[in-house]
Amino acid sequence: MQIRNLSGKRIKLARAAQDMKQVDLRAALSVDHNVEISQAALSDLERSKRSITDIELDAFAKVLDVNPMWLLYGDDLPKFNAPPLKSK
């Protein structure tokens, strides 16, 4: 199996830590953030069989009250040496 995302397992962990069912998570994503995701797609995402968009990642982080960087990297946050890009 090819892993298609890094955050799926952490989404499942954060959801379980809040004693939230998939149906509850899907409802919160839809109502609060206008992100529609089917039960099958959420299940595939949590099993790292489906990729995640940046909009979905942001919505998951907000609903689950976790840092989106944690969803991406867990406790091994990378250190970035380059300064942020400057707008012109």
PDB file of N, CA and C in Angstrom:
ATOM      1  N   MET A   1       0.837  -1.185   0.000  1.00  0.00           N
ATOM      2  CA  MET A   1       0.000   0.000   0.000  1.00  0.00           C
ATOM      3  C   MET A   1       0.879   1.245   0.000  1.00  0.00           C
ATOM      4  N   GLN A   2       0.611   2.137  -0.902  1.00  0.00           N
ATOM      5  CA  GLN A   2       1.328   3.400  -0.969  1.00  0.00           C
ATOM      6  C   GLN A   2       0.631   4.417  -0.081  1.00  0.00           C
ATOM      7  N   ILE A   3       1.384   5.035   0.822  1.00  0.00           N
ATOM      8  CA  ILE A   3       0.811   6.048   1.695  1.00  0.00           C
ATOM      9  C   ILE A   3       0.642   7.328   0.900  1.00  0.00           C
ATOM     10  N   ARG A   4      -0.561   7.897   0.956  1.00  0.00           N
ATOM     11  CA  ARG A   4      -0.857   9.082   0.172  1.00  0.00           C
ATOM     12  C   ARG A   4      -0.958  10.340   1.020  1.00  0.00           C
ATOM     13  N   ASN A   5      -0.865  10.202   2.342  1.00  0.00           N
ATOM     14  CA  ASN A   5      -0.851  11.379   3.187  1.00  0.00           C
ATOM     15  C   ASN A   5      -0.170  11.056   4.509  1.00  0.00           C
ATOM     16  N   LEU A   6       0.276  12.080   5.180  1.00  0.00           N
ATOM     17  CA  LEU A   6       0.961  11.919   6.455  1.00  0.00           C
ATOM     18  C   LEU A   6       0.048  12.200   7.641  1.00  0.00           C
ATOM     19  N   SER A   7      -1.075  12.802   7.402  1.00  0.00           N
ATOM     20  CA  SER A   7      -1.902  13.295   8.499  1.00  0.00           C
ATOM     21  C   SER A   7      -3.072  12.393   8.877  1.00  0.00           C
ATOM     22  N   GLY A   8      -3.388  11.422   8.073  1.00  0.00           N
ATOM     23  CA  GLY A   8      -4.571  10.594   8.314  1.00  0.00           C
ATOM     24  C   GLY A   8      -4.613   9.931   9.672  1.00  0.00           C
ATOM     25  N   LYS A   9      -3.502   9.339  10.059  1.00  0.00           N
ATOM     26  CA  LYS A   9      -3.478   8.646  11.353  1.00  0.00           C
ATOM     27  C   LYS A   9      -3.613   9.634  12.504  1.00  0.00           C
ATOM     28  N   ARG A  10      -3.034  10.824  12.372  1.00  0.00           N
ATOM     29  CA  ARG A  10      -3.157  11.821  13.426  1.00  0.00           C
ATOM     30  C   ARG A  10      -4.563  12.416  13.473  1.00  0.00           C
ATOM     31  N   ILE A  11      -5.226  12.506  12.330  1.00  0.00           N
ATOM     32  CA  ILE A  11      -6.624  12.940  12.324  1.00  0.00           C
ATOM     33  C   ILE A  11      -7.460  11.941  13.120  1.00  0.00           C
ATOM     34  N   LYS A  12      -7.228  10.668  12.884  1.00  0.00           N
ATOM     35  CA  LYS A  12      -7.959   9.629  13.617  1.00  0.00           C
ATOM     36  C   LYS A  12      -7.652   9.704  15.110  1.00  0.00           C
ATOM     37  N   LEU A  13      -6.389   9.908  15.471  1.00  0.00           N
ATOM     38  CA  LEU A  13      -6.014  10.025  16.889  1.00  0.00           C
ATOM     39  C   LEU A  13      -6.705  11.214  17.549  1.00  0.00           C
ATOM     40  N   ALA A  14      -6.691  12.362  16.879  1.00  0.00           N
ATOM     41  CA  ALA A  14      -7.311  13.564  17.438  1.00  0.00           C
ATOM     42  C   ALA A  14      -8.817  13.395  17.552  1.00  0.00           C
ATOM     43  N   ARG A  15      -9.414  12.758  16.576  1.00  0.00           N
ATOM     44  CA  ARG A  15     -10.865  12.509  16.613  1.00  0.00           C
ATOM     45  C   ARG A  15     -11.208  11.588  17.780  1.00  0.00           C
ATOM     46  N   ALA A  16     -10.452  10.519  17.933  1.00  0.00           N
ATOM     47  CA  ALA A  16     -10.699   9.563  19.018  1.00  0.00           C
ATOM     48  C   ALA A  16     -10.457  10.200  20.389  1.00  0.00           C
ATOM     49  N   ALA A  17      -9.456  11.067  20.482  1.00  0.00           N
ATOM     50  CA  ALA A  17      -9.154  11.733  21.753  1.00  0.00           C
ATOM     51  C   ALA A  17     -10.318  12.614  22.204  1.00  0.00           C
ATOM     52  N   GLN A  18     -11.102  13.094  21.260  1.00  0.00           N
ATOM     53  CA  GLN A  18     -12.268  13.913  21.587  1.00  0.00           C
ATOM     54  C   GLN A  18     -13.547  13.076  21.649  1.00  0.00           C
ATOM     55  N   ASP A  19     -13.383  11.755  21.570  1.00  0.00           N
ATOM     56  CA  ASP A  19     -14.525  10.836  21.603  1.00  0.00           C
ATOM     57  C   ASP A  19     -15.542  11.208  20.526  1.00  0.00           C
ATOM     58  N   MET A  20     -15.012  11.546  19.347  1.00  0.00           N
ATOM     59  CA  MET A  20     -15.843  11.984  18.229  1.00  0.00           C
ATOM     60  C   MET A  20     -15.944  10.853  17.207  1.00  0.00           C
ATOM     61  N   LYS A  21     -17.137  10.598  16.739  1.00  0.00           N
ATOM     62  CA  LYS A  21     -17.343   9.599  15.694  1.00  0.00           C
ATOM     63  C   LYS A  21     -17.111  10.250  14.338  1.00  0.00           C
ATOM     64  N   GLN A  22     -16.867   9.414  13.333  1.00  0.00           N
ATOM     65  CA  GLN A  22     -16.651   9.941  11.989  1.00  0.00           C
ATOM     66  C   GLN A  22     -17.836  10.776  11.529  1.00  0.00           C
ATOM     67  N   VAL A  23     -19.033  10.338  11.831  1.00  0.00           N
ATOM     68  CA  VAL A  23     -20.225  11.073  11.397  1.00  0.00           C
ATOM     69  C   VAL A  23     -20.255  12.472  12.034  1.00  0.00           C
ATOM     70  N   ASP A  24     -19.806  12.572  13.283  1.00  0.00           N
ATOM     71  CA  ASP A  24     -19.763  13.871  13.951  1.00  0.00           C
ATOM     72  C   ASP A  24     -18.713  14.779  13.322  1.00  0.00           C
ATOM     73  N   LEU A  25     -17.578  14.216  13.001  1.00  0.00           N
ATOM     74  CA  LEU A  25     -16.512  14.981  12.356  1.00  0.00           C
ATOM     75  C   LEU A  25     -16.970  15.463  10.987  1.00  0.00           C
ATOM     76  N   ARG A  26     -17.580  14.592  10.234  1.00  0.00           N
ATOM     77  CA  ARG A  26     -18.067  14.972   8.913  1.00  0.00           C
ATOM     78  C   ARG A  26     -19.101  16.091   9.009  1.00  0.00           C
ATOM     79  N   ALA A  27     -19.988  16.011   9.992  1.00  0.00           N
ATOM     80  CA  ALA A  27     -21.008  17.050  10.167  1.00  0.00           C
ATOM     81  C   ALA A  27     -20.369  18.387  10.523  1.00  0.00           C
ATOM     82  N   ALA A  28     -19.390  18.364  11.419  1.00  0.00           N
ATOM     83  CA  ALA A  28     -18.718  19.612  11.807  1.00  0.00           C
ATOM     84  C   ALA A  28     -17.966  20.219  10.630  1.00  0.00           C
ATOM     85  N   LEU A  29     -17.315  19.395   9.840  1.00  0.00           N
ATOM     86  CA  LEU A  29     -16.603  19.888   8.664  1.00  0.00           C
ATOM     87  C   LEU A  29     -17.581  20.554   7.695  1.00  0.00           C
ATOM     88  N   SER A  30     -18.725  19.924   7.505  1.00  0.00           N
ATOM     89  CA  SER A  30     -19.717  20.437   6.566  1.00  0.00           C
ATOM     90  C   SER A  30     -20.360  21.725   7.066  1.00  0.00           C
ATOM     91  N   VAL A  31     -20.837  21.719   8.294  1.00  0.00           N
ATOM     92  CA  VAL A  31     -21.568  22.862   8.839  1.00  0.00           C
ATOM     93  C   VAL A  31     -20.647  24.049   9.102  1.00  0.00           C
ATOM     94  N   ASP A  32     -19.514  23.796   9.743  1.00  0.00           N
ATOM     95  CA  ASP A  32     -18.646  24.890  10.177  1.00  0.00           C
ATOM     96  C   ASP A  32     -17.681  25.385   9.105  1.00  0.00           C
ATOM     97  N   HIS A  33     -17.330  24.507   8.141  1.00  0.00           N
ATOM     98  CA  HIS A  33     -16.281  24.881   7.183  1.00  0.00           C
ATOM     99  C   HIS A  33     -16.644  24.603   5.728  1.00  0.00           C
ATOM    100  N   ASN A  34     -17.875  24.171   5.487  1.00  0.00           N
ATOM    101  CA  ASN A  34     -18.334  23.899   4.131  1.00  0.00           C
ATOM    102  C   ASN A  34     -17.431  22.901   3.400  1.00  0.00           C
ATOM    103  N   VAL A  35     -16.904  21.940   4.149  1.00  0.00           N
ATOM    104  CA  VAL A  35     -16.072  20.876   3.581  1.00  0.00           C
ATOM    105  C   VAL A  35     -16.896  19.594   3.604  1.00  0.00           C
ATOM    106  N   GLU A  36     -17.220  19.101   2.423  1.00  0.00           N
ATOM    107  CA  GLU A  36     -18.019  17.884   2.301  1.00  0.00           C
ATOM    108  C   GLU A  36     -17.080  16.703   2.062  1.00  0.00           C
ATOM    109  N   ILE A  37     -17.220  15.672   2.890  1.00  0.00           N
ATOM    110  CA  ILE A  37     -16.404  14.479   2.737  1.00  0.00           C
ATOM    111  C   ILE A  37     -17.276  13.271   3.073  1.00  0.00           C
ATOM    112  N   SER A  38     -17.259  12.281   2.215  1.00  0.00           N
ATOM    113  CA  SER A  38     -18.081  11.092   2.444  1.00  0.00           C
ATOM    114  C   SER A  38     -17.466  10.234   3.543  1.00  0.00           C
ATOM    115  N   GLN A  39     -18.270   9.315   4.065  1.00  0.00           N
ATOM    116  CA  GLN A  39     -17.768   8.417   5.100  1.00  0.00           C
ATOM    117  C   GLN A  39     -16.635   7.574   4.550  1.00  0.00           C
ATOM    118  N   ALA A  40     -16.786   7.082   3.321  1.00  0.00           N
ATOM    119  CA  ALA A  40     -15.746   6.256   2.706  1.00  0.00           C
ATOM    120  C   ALA A  40     -14.460   7.060   2.502  1.00  0.00           C
ATOM    121  N   ALA A  41     -14.596   8.311   2.085  1.00  0.00           N
ATOM    122  CA  ALA A  41     -13.417   9.160   1.872  1.00  0.00           C
ATOM    123  C   ALA A  41     -12.715   9.454   3.191  1.00  0.00           C
ATOM    124  N   LEU A  42     -13.483   9.704   4.258  1.00  0.00           N
ATOM    125  CA  LEU A  42     -12.869   9.949   5.567  1.00  0.00           C
ATOM    126  C   LEU A  42     -12.166   8.700   6.070  1.00  0.00           C
ATOM    127  N   SER A  43     -12.793   7.565   5.890  1.00  0.00           N
ATOM    128  CA  SER A  43     -12.168   6.303   6.298  1.00  0.00           C
ATOM    129  C   SER A  43     -10.864   6.075   5.532  1.00  0.00           C
ATOM    130  N   ASP A  44     -10.892   6.308   4.225  1.00  0.00           N
ATOM    131  CA  ASP A  44      -9.675   6.162   3.417  1.00  0.00           C
ATOM    132  C   ASP A  44      -8.604   7.159   3.845  1.00  0.00           C
ATOM    133  N   LEU A  45      -9.021   8.370   4.186  1.00  0.00           N
ATOM    134  CA  LEU A  45      -8.072   9.382   4.632  1.00  0.00           C
ATOM    135  C   LEU A  45      -7.404   8.948   5.932  1.00  0.00           C
ATOM    136  N   GLU A  46      -8.204   8.461   6.882  1.00  0.00           N
ATOM    137  CA  GLU A  46      -7.653   8.030   8.169  1.00  0.00           C
ATOM    138  C   GLU A  46      -6.740   6.816   8.025  1.00  0.00           C
ATOM    139  N   ARG A  47      -6.929   6.037   6.975  1.00  0.00           N
ATOM    140  CA  ARG A  47      -6.065   4.876   6.726  1.00  0.00           C
ATOM    141  C   ARG A  47      -4.940   5.208   5.739  1.00  0.00           C
ATOM    142  N   SER A  48      -4.764   6.494   5.472  1.00  0.00           N
ATOM    143  CA  SER A  48      -3.710   6.992   4.572  1.00  0.00           C
ATOM    144  C   SER A  48      -3.826   6.453   3.157  1.00  0.00           C
ATOM    145  N   LYS A  49      -5.037   6.160   2.733  1.00  0.00           N
ATOM    146  CA  LYS A  49      -5.267   5.686   1.367  1.00  0.00           C
ATOM    147  C   LYS A  49      -5.779   6.796   0.464  1.00  0.00           C
ATOM    148  N   ARG A  50      -6.054   7.956   1.038  1.00  0.00           N
ATOM    149  CA  ARG A  50      -6.565   9.093   0.270  1.00  0.00           C
ATOM    150  C   ARG A  50      -5.744  10.317   0.624  1.00  0.00           C
ATOM    151  N   SER A  51      -5.503  11.139  -0.366  1.00  0.00           N
ATOM    152  CA  SER A  51      -4.761  12.375  -0.111  1.00  0.00           C
ATOM    153  C   SER A  51      -5.701  13.407   0.512  1.00  0.00           C
ATOM    154  N   ILE A  52      -5.103  14.461   1.040  1.00  0.00           N
ATOM    155  CA  ILE A  52      -5.865  15.513   1.698  1.00  0.00           C
ATOM    156  C   ILE A  52      -5.492  16.848   1.064  1.00  0.00           C
ATOM    157  N   THR A  53      -6.464  17.709   0.901  1.00  0.00           N
ATOM    158  CA  THR A  53      -6.181  19.030   0.331  1.00  0.00           C
ATOM    159  C   THR A  53      -5.798  19.991   1.451  1.00  0.00           C
ATOM    160  N   ASP A  54      -5.230  21.104   1.076  1.00  0.00           N
ATOM    161  CA  ASP A  54      -4.859  22.105   2.073  1.00  0.00           C
ATOM    162  C   ASP A  54      -6.094  22.667   2.769  1.00  0.00           C
ATOM    163  N   ILE A  55      -7.182  22.839   2.048  1.00  0.00           N
ATOM    164  CA  ILE A  55      -8.421  23.344   2.639  1.00  0.00           C
ATOM    165  C   ILE A  55      -8.971  22.348   3.654  1.00  0.00           C
ATOM    166  N   GLU A  56      -8.926  21.065   3.299  1.00  0.00           N
ATOM    167  CA  GLU A  56      -9.377  20.034   4.228  1.00  0.00           C
ATOM    168  C   GLU A  56      -8.486  19.989   5.470  1.00  0.00           C
ATOM    169  N   LEU A  57      -7.191  20.069   5.274  1.00  0.00           N
ATOM    170  CA  LEU A  57      -6.257  20.027   6.397  1.00  0.00           C
ATOM    171  C   LEU A  57      -6.549  21.152   7.380  1.00  0.00           C
ATOM    172  N   ASP A  58      -6.768  22.347   6.869  1.00  0.00           N
ATOM    173  CA  ASP A  58      -7.081  23.491   7.712  1.00  0.00           C
ATOM    174  C   ASP A  58      -8.389  23.262   8.475  1.00  0.00           C
ATOM    175  N   ALA A  59      -9.409  22.760   7.787  1.00  0.00           N
ATOM    176  CA  ALA A  59     -10.703  22.513   8.427  1.00  0.00           C
ATOM    177  C   ALA A  59     -10.594  21.431   9.496  1.00  0.00           C
ATOM    178  N   PHE A  60      -9.877  20.353   9.204  1.00  0.00           N
ATOM    179  CA  PHE A  60      -9.678  19.298  10.204  1.00  0.00           C
ATOM    180  C   PHE A  60      -8.988  19.861  11.447  1.00  0.00           C
ATOM    181  N   ALA A  61      -7.958  20.649  11.250  1.00  0.00           N
ATOM    182  CA  ALA A  61      -7.226  21.225  12.383  1.00  0.00           C
ATOM    183  C   ALA A  61      -8.148  22.086  13.235  1.00  0.00           C
ATOM    184  N   LYS A  62      -8.977  22.885  12.604  1.00  0.00           N
ATOM    185  CA  LYS A  62      -9.887  23.758  13.356  1.00  0.00           C
ATOM    186  C   LYS A  62     -10.948  22.952  14.103  1.00  0.00           C
ATOM    187  N   VAL A  63     -11.565  21.995  13.438  1.00  0.00           N
ATOM    188  CA  VAL A  63     -12.608  21.187  14.078  1.00  0.00           C
ATOM    189  C   VAL A  63     -12.026  20.352  15.221  1.00  0.00           C
ATOM    190  N   LEU A  64     -10.842  19.802  15.017  1.00  0.00           N
ATOM    191  CA  LEU A  64     -10.230  18.935  16.030  1.00  0.00           C
ATOM    192  C   LEU A  64      -9.406  19.711  17.049  1.00  0.00           C
ATOM    193  N   ASP A  65      -9.305  21.025  16.858  1.00  0.00           N
ATOM    194  CA  ASP A  65      -8.577  21.908  17.771  1.00  0.00           C
ATOM    195  C   ASP A  65      -7.116  21.462  17.952  1.00  0.00           C
ATOM    196  N   VAL A  66      -6.460  21.224  16.815  1.00  0.00           N
ATOM    197  CA  VAL A  66      -5.040  20.866  16.815  1.00  0.00           C
ATOM    198  C   VAL A  66      -4.303  21.753  15.820  1.00  0.00           C
ATOM    199  N   ASN A  67      -3.015  21.837  15.984  1.00  0.00           N
ATOM    200  CA  ASN A  67      -2.178  22.608  15.085  1.00  0.00           C
ATOM    201  C   ASN A  67      -2.059  21.858  13.751  1.00  0.00           C
ATOM    202  N   PRO A  68      -2.285  22.529  12.620  1.00  0.00           N
ATOM    203  CA  PRO A  68      -2.151  21.838  11.337  1.00  0.00           C
ATOM    204  C   PRO A  68      -0.741  21.294  11.105  1.00  0.00           C
ATOM    205  N   MET A  69       0.256  21.942  11.695  1.00  0.00           N
ATOM    206  CA  MET A  69       1.627  21.415  11.568  1.00  0.00           C
ATOM    207  C   MET A  69       1.750  20.069  12.280  1.00  0.00           C
ATOM    208  N   TRP A  70       1.017  19.899  13.387  1.00  0.00           N
ATOM    209  CA  TRP A  70       1.037  18.603  14.073  1.00  0.00           C
ATOM    210  C   TRP A  70       0.381  17.544  13.202  1.00  0.00           C
ATOM    211  N   LEU A  71      -0.702  17.915  12.513  1.00  0.00           N
ATOM    212  CA  LEU A  71      -1.337  16.950  11.619  1.00  0.00           C
ATOM    213  C   LEU A  71      -0.374  16.493  10.532  1.00  0.00           C
ATOM    214  N   LEU A  72       0.455  17.404  10.056  1.00  0.00           N
ATOM    215  CA  LEU A  72       1.406  17.052   9.002  1.00  0.00           C
ATOM    216  C   LEU A  72       2.626  16.292   9.512  1.00  0.00           C
ATOM    217  N   TYR A  73       3.175  16.744  10.648  1.00  0.00           N
ATOM    218  CA  TYR A  73       4.475  16.227  11.080  1.00  0.00           C
ATOM    219  C   TYR A  73       4.481  15.531  12.431  1.00  0.00           C
ATOM    220  N   GLY A  74       3.411  15.575  13.168  1.00  0.00           N
ATOM    221  CA  GLY A  74       3.405  14.992  14.501  1.00  0.00           C
ATOM    222  C   GLY A  74       4.326  15.782  15.413  1.00  0.00           C
ATOM    223  N   ASP A  75       4.993  15.092  16.300  1.00  0.00           N
ATOM    224  CA  ASP A  75       5.876  15.747  17.251  1.00  0.00           C
ATOM    225  C   ASP A  75       7.251  16.062  16.658  1.00  0.00           C
ATOM    226  N   ASP A  76       7.512  15.611  15.449  1.00  0.00           N
ATOM    227  CA  ASP A  76       8.802  15.848  14.790  1.00  0.00           C
ATOM    228  C   ASP A  76       8.707  17.024  13.831  1.00  0.00           C
ATOM    229  N   LEU A  77       8.365  18.183  14.359  1.00  0.00           N
ATOM    230  CA  LEU A  77       8.220  19.361  13.503  1.00  0.00           C
ATOM    231  C   LEU A  77       9.563  19.726  12.880  1.00  0.00           C
ATOM    232  N   PRO A  78       9.571  19.972  11.584  1.00  0.00           N
ATOM    233  CA  PRO A  78      10.826  20.342  10.925  1.00  0.00           C
ATOM    234  C   PRO A  78      11.236  21.761  11.305  1.00  0.00           C
ATOM    235  N   LYS A  79      12.503  22.007  11.193  1.00  0.00           N
ATOM    236  CA  LYS A  79      13.019  23.360  11.416  1.00  0.00           C
ATOM    237  C   LYS A  79      13.297  23.962  10.050  1.00  0.00           C
ATOM    238  N   PHE A  80      12.749  25.125   9.837  1.00  0.00           N
ATOM    239  CA  PHE A  80      12.930  25.802   8.564  1.00  0.00           C
ATOM    240  C   PHE A  80      13.941  26.911   8.753  1.00  0.00           C
ATOM    241  N   ASN A  81      14.972  26.902   7.944  1.00  0.00           N
ATOM    242  CA  ASN A  81      16.036  27.893   8.056  1.00  0.00           C
ATOM    243  C   ASN A  81      15.794  29.123   7.192  1.00  0.00           C
ATOM    244  N   ALA A  82      15.066  28.956   6.138  1.00  0.00           N
ATOM    245  CA  ALA A  82      14.849  30.069   5.209  1.00  0.00           C
ATOM    246  C   ALA A  82      13.793  31.015   5.766  1.00  0.00           C
ATOM    247  N   PRO A  83      13.979  32.313   5.565  1.00  0.00           N
ATOM    248  CA  PRO A  83      12.942  33.261   5.996  1.00  0.00           C
ATOM    249  C   PRO A  83      11.719  33.122   5.114  1.00  0.00           C
ATOM    250  N   PRO A  84      10.581  33.567   5.581  1.00  0.00           N
ATOM    251  CA  PRO A  84       9.367  33.481   4.751  1.00  0.00           C
ATOM    252  C   PRO A  84       9.548  34.324   3.485  1.00  0.00           C
ATOM    253  N   LEU A  85       8.830  33.942   2.461  1.00  0.00           N
ATOM    254  CA  LEU A  85       8.879  34.694   1.206  1.00  0.00           C
ATOM    255  C   LEU A  85       8.266  36.075   1.415  1.00  0.00           C
ATOM    256  N   LYS A  86       8.881  37.052   0.798  1.00  0.00           N
ATOM    257  CA  LYS A  86       8.379  38.422   0.895  1.00  0.00           C
ATOM    258  C   LYS A  86       7.501  38.706  -0.305  1.00  0.00           C
ATOM    259  N   SER A  87       6.388  39.357  -0.058  1.00  0.00           N
ATOM    260  CA  SER A  87       5.534  39.736  -1.179  1.00  0.00           C
ATOM    261  C   SER A  87       6.076  41.017  -1.796  1.00  0.00           C
ATOM    262  N   LYS A  88       5.862  41.169  -3.089  1.00  0.00           N
ATOM    263  CA  LYS A  88       6.383  42.344  -3.800  1.00  0.00           C
ATOM    264  C   LYS A  88       5.333  43.385  -3.941  1.00  0.00           C
TER     265      LYS A  88
END
